[in-house]
Amino acid sequence: MTRFVRHDGRKSDDLRPVRITPGFIRSAAGSCLIEVGGTRVVCTASFTPGVPKWRTGQGLGWMTAEYGMLPASTSQRKDRPIGKPDGRSVEIQRIIGRVLRSAVRLDRLGENTIYLDCDVLEADGGTRTAAITGAWVALARAVDSLAGRGLCHREAVSPPVAAISVGMVDGRALLDLDYSEDSTAEVDMNIAMTAGGKYVEIQGSSEGRPFGGSDLEAMLSLARRGIRRLHVLQRQAVRKRIRP
């Protein structure tokens, strides 16, 4: 039986090469550069005293996210959304914020706000999942730094949350789709999970044909395995010491 090999040499359940460089933006409370194959995203966490008016006086903090793609992040220049919000970016930043809030104890954050900014330098598929994975690292490093200064509780951040894409391409379940695979997938899904194996977000749709329960379980199984590997890399990036 011939082993299935993808166009870049990977097996069905292989991640692309993943590298997380913590402390990439030194002026941020926490940051990293996450590289997943040809996709590169800078993630930063910034701290601001105070919370939105609707949360004032509740003793709870807040966390929100923003996402954007730089003009040269794709082969054709992407316009900056000046004066007109980019609908796709708004959708993705809401997802990032929603997923990462599941990893924050807002009651341990104090009445402070953390902004997560995810800026895509290069896009080759999986930008939103890379942003979620990298944003947790930036968040965890920010909380560690802030707690050391007495600005929040060290337990304000929960164990890792990471995300990965899966899909059905030519009738086969694949993990971590690059752009060429994503653009031809019959089914495309993005899945976020906690280190405890719980699902936080499942987004999926049929692009070419309806899919059955066996296809869904095959994709979920791939996602679980891939995310466990990402959790290991996230923990390593949080622990890594940055040289002055």
C-alpha atoms as a PDB file:
ATOM      1  CA  MET A   1       0.000   0.000   0.000  1.00  0.00           C
ATOM      2  CA  THR A   2       1.444   3.351  -1.049  1.00  0.00           C
ATOM      3  CA  ARG A   3       1.764   5.894   1.753  1.00  0.00           C
ATOM      4  CA  PHE A   4      -0.142   9.089   1.067  1.00  0.00           C
ATOM      5  CA  VAL A   5       2.141  12.122   0.756  1.00  0.00           C
ATOM      6  CA  ARG A   6       0.960  15.707   0.398  1.00  0.00           C
ATOM      7  CA  HIS A   7       2.393  18.198  -2.075  1.00  0.00           C
ATOM      8  CA  ASP A   8       4.916  19.462   0.512  1.00  0.00           C
ATOM      9  CA  GLY A   9       5.972  15.988   1.660  1.00  0.00           C
ATOM     10  CA  ARG A  10       3.805  15.855   4.791  1.00  0.00           C
ATOM     11  CA  LYS A  11       1.605  12.957   5.875  1.00  0.00           C
ATOM     12  CA  SER A  12      -2.098  13.493   6.548  1.00  0.00           C
ATOM     13  CA  ASP A  13      -1.521  14.080  10.265  1.00  0.00           C
ATOM     14  CA  ASP A  14       1.613  16.232  10.037  1.00  0.00           C
ATOM     15  CA  LEU A  15       1.760  19.847  11.138  1.00  0.00           C
ATOM     16  CA  ARG A  16       3.762  22.288   9.086  1.00  0.00           C
ATOM     17  CA  PRO A  17       7.017  23.359  10.785  1.00  0.00           C
ATOM     18  CA  VAL A  18       6.009  25.515  13.774  1.00  0.00           C
ATOM     19  CA  ARG A  19       8.266  28.015  15.510  1.00  0.00           C
ATOM     20  CA  ILE A  20       7.246  30.411  18.288  1.00  0.00           C
ATOM     21  CA  THR A  21       9.681  33.214  19.110  1.00  0.00           C
ATOM     22  CA  PRO A  22       8.710  34.881  22.419  1.00  0.00           C
ATOM     23  CA  GLY A  23       9.572  38.487  23.217  1.00  0.00           C
ATOM     24  CA  PHE A  24       9.495  39.470  19.545  1.00  0.00           C
ATOM     25  CA  ILE A  25       8.161  42.966  20.372  1.00  0.00           C
ATOM     26  CA  ARG A  26      10.081  44.121  23.418  1.00  0.00           C
ATOM     27  CA  SER A  27       7.874  47.143  24.171  1.00  0.00           C
ATOM     28  CA  ALA A  28       4.772  44.956  24.651  1.00  0.00           C
ATOM     29  CA  ALA A  29       3.810  43.411  27.983  1.00  0.00           C
ATOM     30  CA  GLY A  30       3.928  40.052  26.188  1.00  0.00           C
ATOM     31  CA  SER A  31       4.602  39.087  22.589  1.00  0.00           C
ATOM     32  CA  CYS A  32       5.692  36.436  20.142  1.00  0.00           C
ATOM     33  CA  LEU A  33       6.200  35.726  16.466  1.00  0.00           C
ATOM     34  CA  ILE A  34       4.496  32.494  15.450  1.00  0.00           C
ATOM     35  CA  GLU A  35       5.527  30.832  12.203  1.00  0.00           C
ATOM     36  CA  VAL A  36       3.476  27.951  10.826  1.00  0.00           C
ATOM     37  CA  GLY A  37       4.924  26.940   7.491  1.00  0.00           C
ATOM     38  CA  GLY A  38       4.723  30.043   5.308  1.00  0.00           C
ATOM     39  CA  THR A  39       2.309  31.824   7.649  1.00  0.00           C
ATOM     40  CA  ARG A  40       3.836  34.340  10.055  1.00  0.00           C
ATOM     41  CA  VAL A  41       1.871  36.314  12.656  1.00  0.00           C
ATOM     42  CA  VAL A  42       3.077  38.807  15.275  1.00  0.00           C
ATOM     43  CA  CYS A  43       1.018  38.600  18.477  1.00  0.00           C
ATOM     44  CA  THR A  44       1.235  41.204  21.254  1.00  0.00           C
ATOM     45  CA  ALA A  45      -0.518  41.700  24.571  1.00  0.00           C
ATOM     46  CA  SER A  46      -0.825  45.257  25.911  1.00  0.00           C
ATOM     47  CA  PHE A  47      -2.000  46.227  29.402  1.00  0.00           C
ATOM     48  CA  THR A  48      -4.177  49.246  30.192  1.00  0.00           C
ATOM     49  CA  PRO A  49      -5.540  50.202  33.629  1.00  0.00           C
ATOM     50  CA  GLY A  50      -9.338  50.425  33.719  1.00  0.00           C
ATOM     51  CA  VAL A  51     -12.161  48.622  31.917  1.00  0.00           C
ATOM     52  CA  PRO A  52     -15.022  49.621  29.584  1.00  0.00           C
ATOM     53  CA  LYS A  53     -17.755  51.660  31.263  1.00  0.00           C
ATOM     54  CA  TRP A  54     -20.242  48.807  31.171  1.00  0.00           C
ATOM     55  CA  ARG A  55     -17.874  46.715  33.356  1.00  0.00           C
ATOM     56  CA  THR A  56     -16.764  49.412  35.809  1.00  0.00           C
ATOM     57  CA  GLY A  57     -17.270  48.633  39.488  1.00  0.00           C
ATOM     58  CA  GLN A  58     -17.703  44.866  39.051  1.00  0.00           C
ATOM     59  CA  GLY A  59     -14.181  43.951  40.128  1.00  0.00           C
ATOM     60  CA  LEU A  60     -13.620  42.176  36.801  1.00  0.00           C
ATOM     61  CA  GLY A  61     -11.091  42.793  34.076  1.00  0.00           C
ATOM     62  CA  TRP A  62     -11.572  42.635  30.331  1.00  0.00           C
ATOM     63  CA  MET A  63      -9.698  41.299  27.332  1.00  0.00           C
ATOM     64  CA  THR A  64     -10.285  42.003  23.659  1.00  0.00           C
ATOM     65  CA  ALA A  65      -8.496  41.262  20.386  1.00  0.00           C
ATOM     66  CA  GLU A  66      -7.745  42.875  17.055  1.00  0.00           C
ATOM     67  CA  TYR A  67      -6.570  41.150  13.865  1.00  0.00           C
ATOM     68  CA  GLY A  68      -5.242  42.487  10.611  1.00  0.00           C
ATOM     69  CA  MET A  69      -3.220  41.553   7.552  1.00  0.00           C
ATOM     70  CA  LEU A  70      -0.376  43.750   6.365  1.00  0.00           C
ATOM     71  CA  PRO A  71      -0.628  44.954   2.744  1.00  0.00           C
ATOM     72  CA  ALA A  72       2.141  42.626   1.505  1.00  0.00           C
ATOM     73  CA  SER A  73       1.001  39.579   3.503  1.00  0.00           C
ATOM     74  CA  THR A  74      -0.493  38.047   0.324  1.00  0.00           C
ATOM     75  CA  SER A  75       0.730  37.883  -3.259  1.00  0.00           C
ATOM     76  CA  GLN A  76      -1.649  40.679  -4.269  1.00  0.00           C
ATOM     77  CA  ARG A  77      -1.444  43.803  -2.121  1.00  0.00           C
ATOM     78  CA  LYS A  78      -4.159  43.942   0.514  1.00  0.00           C
ATOM     79  CA  ASP A  79      -5.640  47.401   1.092  1.00  0.00           C
ATOM     80  CA  ARG A  80      -5.515  48.816   4.587  1.00  0.00           C
ATOM     81  CA  PRO A  81      -9.042  49.084   6.074  1.00  0.00           C
ATOM     82  CA  ILE A  82      -8.916  52.861   6.554  1.00  0.00           C
ATOM     83  CA  GLY A  83     -12.350  54.227   7.430  1.00  0.00           C
ATOM     84  CA  LYS A  84     -14.047  50.982   6.378  1.00  0.00           C
ATOM     85  CA  PRO A  85     -13.802  47.876   8.600  1.00  0.00           C
ATOM     86  CA  ASP A  86     -12.723  44.680   6.858  1.00  0.00           C
ATOM     87  CA  GLY A  87     -15.589  42.246   7.480  1.00  0.00           C
ATOM     88  CA  ARG A  88     -13.333  39.186   7.493  1.00  0.00           C
ATOM     89  CA  SER A  89     -10.894  40.775   9.940  1.00  0.00           C
ATOM     90  CA  VAL A  90     -13.725  41.833  12.262  1.00  0.00           C
ATOM     91  CA  GLU A  91     -15.080  38.269  12.259  1.00  0.00           C
ATOM     92  CA  ILE A  92     -11.655  36.774  12.991  1.00  0.00           C
ATOM     93  CA  GLN A  93     -10.783  39.201  15.788  1.00  0.00           C
ATOM     94  CA  ARG A  94     -14.093  38.427  17.478  1.00  0.00           C
ATOM     95  CA  ILE A  95     -13.237  34.730  17.317  1.00  0.00           C
ATOM     96  CA  ILE A  96      -9.761  35.344  18.765  1.00  0.00           C
ATOM     97  CA  GLY A  97     -11.182  37.411  21.608  1.00  0.00           C
ATOM     98  CA  ARG A  98     -13.917  34.881  22.332  1.00  0.00           C
ATOM     99  CA  VAL A  99     -11.529  31.924  22.354  1.00  0.00           C
ATOM    100  CA  LEU A 100      -8.852  33.618  24.466  1.00  0.00           C
ATOM    101  CA  ARG A 101     -11.363  34.873  27.036  1.00  0.00           C
ATOM    102  CA  SER A 102     -11.927  31.202  27.837  1.00  0.00           C
ATOM    103  CA  ALA A 103      -8.297  31.147  29.023  1.00  0.00           C
ATOM    104  CA  VAL A 104      -8.551  34.193  31.311  1.00  0.00           C
ATOM    105  CA  ARG A 105      -9.788  34.508  34.883  1.00  0.00           C
ATOM    106  CA  LEU A 106     -11.233  37.995  34.602  1.00  0.00           C
ATOM    107  CA  ASP A 107     -11.806  38.067  38.371  1.00  0.00           C
ATOM    108  CA  ARG A 108      -8.021  37.645  38.840  1.00  0.00           C
ATOM    109  CA  LEU A 109      -7.156  40.360  36.333  1.00  0.00           C
ATOM    110  CA  GLY A 110      -8.462  43.247  38.430  1.00  0.00           C
ATOM    111  CA  GLU A 111     -10.206  46.167  36.739  1.00  0.00           C
ATOM    112  CA  ASN A 112      -7.662  46.223  33.931  1.00  0.00           C
ATOM    113  CA  THR A 113      -7.842  45.552  30.197  1.00  0.00           C
ATOM    114  CA  ILE A 114      -5.548  43.443  28.043  1.00  0.00           C
ATOM    115  CA  TYR A 115      -5.523  44.067  24.294  1.00  0.00           C
ATOM    116  CA  LEU A 116      -4.359  41.243  22.051  1.00  0.00           C
ATOM    117  CA  ASP A 117      -3.150  42.384  18.626  1.00  0.00           C
ATOM    118  CA  CYS A 118      -2.504  39.829  15.901  1.00  0.00           C
ATOM    119  CA  ASP A 119      -0.859  41.158  12.739  1.00  0.00           C
ATOM    120  CA  VAL A 120      -0.276  38.844   9.797  1.00  0.00           C
ATOM    121  CA  LEU A 121       3.104  39.374   8.131  1.00  0.00           C
ATOM    122  CA  GLU A 122       2.706  36.551   5.621  1.00  0.00           C
ATOM    123  CA  ALA A 123      -0.348  34.417   4.890  1.00  0.00           C
ATOM    124  CA  ASP A 124      -0.222  30.856   3.584  1.00  0.00           C
ATOM    125  CA  GLY A 125      -3.332  29.420   5.221  1.00  0.00           C
ATOM    126  CA  GLY A 126      -4.309  29.092   8.879  1.00  0.00           C
ATOM    127  CA  THR A 127      -3.781  32.717   9.889  1.00  0.00           C
ATOM    128  CA  ARG A 128      -6.624  32.745  12.422  1.00  0.00           C
ATOM    129  CA  THR A 129      -5.529  29.508  14.079  1.00  0.00           C
ATOM    130  CA  ALA A 130      -1.913  30.675  14.220  1.00  0.00           C
ATOM    131  CA  ALA A 131      -3.120  33.966  15.713  1.00  0.00           C
ATOM    132  CA  ILE A 132      -5.056  32.163  18.462  1.00  0.00           C
ATOM    133  CA  THR A 133      -2.104  29.909  19.287  1.00  0.00           C
ATOM    134  CA  GLY A 134       0.376  32.785  19.358  1.00  0.00           C
ATOM    135  CA  ALA A 135      -1.977  35.136  21.209  1.00  0.00           C
ATOM    136  CA  TRP A 136      -2.150  32.727  24.159  1.00  0.00           C
ATOM    137  CA  VAL A 137       1.657  32.826  24.419  1.00  0.00           C
ATOM    138  CA  ALA A 138       1.648  36.646  24.346  1.00  0.00           C
ATOM    139  CA  LEU A 139      -1.132  36.701  26.941  1.00  0.00           C
ATOM    140  CA  ALA A 140       0.569  34.230  29.282  1.00  0.00           C
ATOM    141  CA  ARG A 141       3.891  36.081  29.126  1.00  0.00           C
ATOM    142  CA  ALA A 142       2.109  39.395  29.751  1.00  0.00           C
ATOM    143  CA  VAL A 143       0.281  38.044  32.806  1.00  0.00           C
ATOM    144  CA  ASP A 144       3.535  36.629  34.179  1.00  0.00           C
ATOM    145  CA  SER A 145       5.247  40.004  33.760  1.00  0.00           C
ATOM    146  CA  LEU A 146       2.323  41.975  35.184  1.00  0.00           C
ATOM    147  CA  ALA A 147       1.943  39.643  38.154  1.00  0.00           C
ATOM    148  CA  GLY A 148       5.625  40.123  38.955  1.00  0.00           C
ATOM    149  CA  ARG A 149       4.890  43.857  39.242  1.00  0.00           C
ATOM    150  CA  GLY A 150       1.821  43.286  41.399  1.00  0.00           C
ATOM    151  CA  LEU A 151      -0.626  44.470  38.706  1.00  0.00           C
ATOM    152  CA  CYS A 152      -2.654  41.259  38.482  1.00  0.00           C
ATOM    153  CA  HIS A 153      -2.805  37.749  39.897  1.00  0.00           C
ATOM    154  CA  ARG A 154      -0.468  35.150  38.396  1.00  0.00           C
ATOM    155  CA  GLU A 155      -3.417  32.760  38.010  1.00  0.00           C
ATOM    156  CA  ALA A 156      -5.257  35.201  35.744  1.00  0.00           C
ATOM    157  CA  VAL A 157      -4.364  33.017  32.759  1.00  0.00           C
ATOM    158  CA  SER A 158      -5.409  29.375  32.417  1.00  0.00           C
ATOM    159  CA  PRO A 159      -3.452  26.510  30.785  1.00  0.00           C
ATOM    160  CA  PRO A 160      -2.889  26.709  27.024  1.00  0.00           C
ATOM    161  CA  VAL A 161      -5.552  27.175  24.383  1.00  0.00           C
ATOM    162  CA  ALA A 162      -4.457  26.474  20.801  1.00  0.00           C
ATOM    163  CA  ALA A 163      -6.152  26.164  17.426  1.00  0.00           C
ATOM    164  CA  ILE A 164      -5.561  24.329  14.158  1.00  0.00           C
ATOM    165  CA  SER A 165      -7.243  23.871  10.798  1.00  0.00           C
ATOM    166  CA  VAL A 166      -8.421  20.558   9.384  1.00  0.00           C
ATOM    167  CA  GLY A 167     -10.268  19.691   6.222  1.00  0.00           C
ATOM    168  CA  MET A 168     -11.318  17.175   3.614  1.00  0.00           C
ATOM    169  CA  VAL A 169      -9.252  17.434   0.445  1.00  0.00           C
ATOM    170  CA  ASP A 170      -9.929  14.960  -2.377  1.00  0.00           C
ATOM    171  CA  GLY A 171     -11.935  12.882   0.070  1.00  0.00           C
ATOM    172  CA  ARG A 172      -9.122  12.644   2.631  1.00  0.00           C
ATOM    173  CA  ALA A 173      -8.931  14.232   6.095  1.00  0.00           C
ATOM    174  CA  LEU A 174      -5.869  16.487   6.426  1.00  0.00           C
ATOM    175  CA  LEU A 175      -4.342  18.407   9.325  1.00  0.00           C
ATOM    176  CA  ASP A 176      -3.092  22.007   9.156  1.00  0.00           C
ATOM    177  CA  LEU A 177      -4.039  23.084   5.639  1.00  0.00           C
ATOM    178  CA  ASP A 178      -1.832  25.491   3.742  1.00  0.00           C
ATOM    179  CA  TYR A 179      -3.350  27.888   1.216  1.00  0.00           C
ATOM    180  CA  SER A 180      -3.202  25.512  -1.747  1.00  0.00           C
ATOM    181  CA  GLU A 181      -5.058  22.844   0.236  1.00  0.00           C
ATOM    182  CA  ASP A 182      -7.501  25.228   1.887  1.00  0.00           C
ATOM    183  CA  SER A 183      -8.479  26.759  -1.446  1.00  0.00           C
ATOM    184  CA  THR A 184      -9.466  23.363  -2.884  1.00  0.00           C
ATOM    185  CA  ALA A 185     -10.915  21.728   0.262  1.00  0.00           C
ATOM    186  CA  GLU A 186     -14.369  20.168   0.131  1.00  0.00           C
ATOM    187  CA  VAL A 187     -14.673  20.781   3.890  1.00  0.00           C
ATOM    188  CA  ASP A 188     -12.787  23.372   5.919  1.00  0.00           C
ATOM    189  CA  MET A 189     -12.759  23.512   9.741  1.00  0.00           C
ATOM    190  CA  ASN A 190     -10.988  25.545  12.434  1.00  0.00           C
ATOM    191  CA  ILE A 191     -10.861  24.042  15.907  1.00  0.00           C
ATOM    192  CA  ALA A 192      -9.664  25.502  19.224  1.00  0.00           C
ATOM    193  CA  MET A 193      -9.098  23.375  22.322  1.00  0.00           C
ATOM    194  CA  THR A 194      -7.863  23.701  25.879  1.00  0.00           C
ATOM    195  CA  ALA A 195      -4.971  21.757  27.366  1.00  0.00           C
ATOM    196  CA  GLY A 196      -7.617  19.716  29.194  1.00  0.00           C
ATOM    197  CA  GLY A 197      -8.962  18.413  25.886  1.00  0.00           C
ATOM    198  CA  LYS A 198     -12.110  20.549  25.862  1.00  0.00           C
ATOM    199  CA  TYR A 199     -13.381  22.267  22.740  1.00  0.00           C
ATOM    200  CA  VAL A 200     -13.614  26.060  22.790  1.00  0.00           C
ATOM    201  CA  GLU A 201     -14.514  26.767  19.167  1.00  0.00           C
ATOM    202  CA  ILE A 202     -15.497  24.590  16.215  1.00  0.00           C
ATOM    203  CA  GLN A 203     -16.074  26.330  12.892  1.00  0.00           C
ATOM    204  CA  GLY A 204     -16.731  24.240   9.854  1.00  0.00           C
ATOM    205  CA  SER A 205     -18.558  24.251   6.578  1.00  0.00           C
ATOM    206  CA  SER A 206     -18.879  22.232   3.411  1.00  0.00           C
ATOM    207  CA  GLU A 207     -17.268  23.984   0.489  1.00  0.00           C
ATOM    208  CA  GLY A 208     -17.818  21.272  -2.098  1.00  0.00           C
ATOM    209  CA  ARG A 209     -19.900  18.410  -0.729  1.00  0.00           C
ATOM    210  CA  PRO A 210     -21.794  17.487   2.451  1.00  0.00           C
ATOM    211  CA  PHE A 211     -19.767  15.443   4.927  1.00  0.00           C
ATOM    212  CA  GLY A 212     -20.739  12.568   7.211  1.00  0.00           C
ATOM    213  CA  GLY A 213     -20.095  11.656  10.815  1.00  0.00           C
ATOM    214  CA  SER A 214     -17.061   9.531   9.980  1.00  0.00           C
ATOM    215  CA  ASP A 215     -15.473  12.484   8.156  1.00  0.00           C
ATOM    216  CA  LEU A 216     -16.201  14.750  11.118  1.00  0.00           C
ATOM    217  CA  GLU A 217     -14.657  12.326  13.612  1.00  0.00           C
ATOM    218  CA  ALA A 218     -11.591  11.893  11.388  1.00  0.00           C
ATOM    219  CA  MET A 219     -11.072  15.668  11.316  1.00  0.00           C
ATOM    220  CA  LEU A 220     -11.657  16.065  15.055  1.00  0.00           C
ATOM    221  CA  SER A 221      -9.176  13.260  15.763  1.00  0.00           C
ATOM    222  CA  LEU A 222      -6.525  14.975  13.636  1.00  0.00           C
ATOM    223  CA  ALA A 223      -7.210  18.303  15.363  1.00  0.00           C
ATOM    224  CA  ARG A 224      -6.842  16.798  18.840  1.00  0.00           C
ATOM    225  CA  ARG A 225      -3.454  15.306  17.979  1.00  0.00           C
ATOM    226  CA  GLY A 226      -2.183  18.459  16.319  1.00  0.00           C
ATOM    227  CA  ILE A 227      -3.322  20.738  19.139  1.00  0.00           C
ATOM    228  CA  ARG A 228      -1.607  18.586  21.756  1.00  0.00           C
ATOM    229  CA  ARG A 229       1.674  19.215  19.922  1.00  0.00           C
ATOM    230  CA  LEU A 230       0.970  22.949  19.799  1.00  0.00           C
ATOM    231  CA  HIS A 231       0.336  23.016  23.566  1.00  0.00           C
ATOM    232  CA  VAL A 232       3.845  21.643  24.126  1.00  0.00           C
ATOM    233  CA  LEU A 233       5.351  24.406  21.968  1.00  0.00           C
ATOM    234  CA  GLN A 234       3.257  27.070  23.724  1.00  0.00           C
ATOM    235  CA  ARG A 235       4.492  25.994  27.158  1.00  0.00           C
ATOM    236  CA  GLN A 236       8.092  25.989  25.951  1.00  0.00           C
ATOM    237  CA  ALA A 237       7.697  29.519  24.550  1.00  0.00           C
ATOM    238  CA  VAL A 238       6.213  30.831  27.798  1.00  0.00           C
ATOM    239  CA  ARG A 239       9.050  29.367  29.860  1.00  0.00           C
ATOM    240  CA  LYS A 240      11.808  30.591  27.558  1.00  0.00           C
ATOM    241  CA  ARG A 241      13.927  33.383  29.002  1.00  0.00           C
ATOM    242  CA  ILE A 242      14.648  36.377  26.801  1.00  0.00           C
ATOM    243  CA  ARG A 243      18.164  37.737  26.715  1.00  0.00           C
ATOM    244  CA  PRO A 244      18.410  41.523  27.308  1.00  0.00           C
END
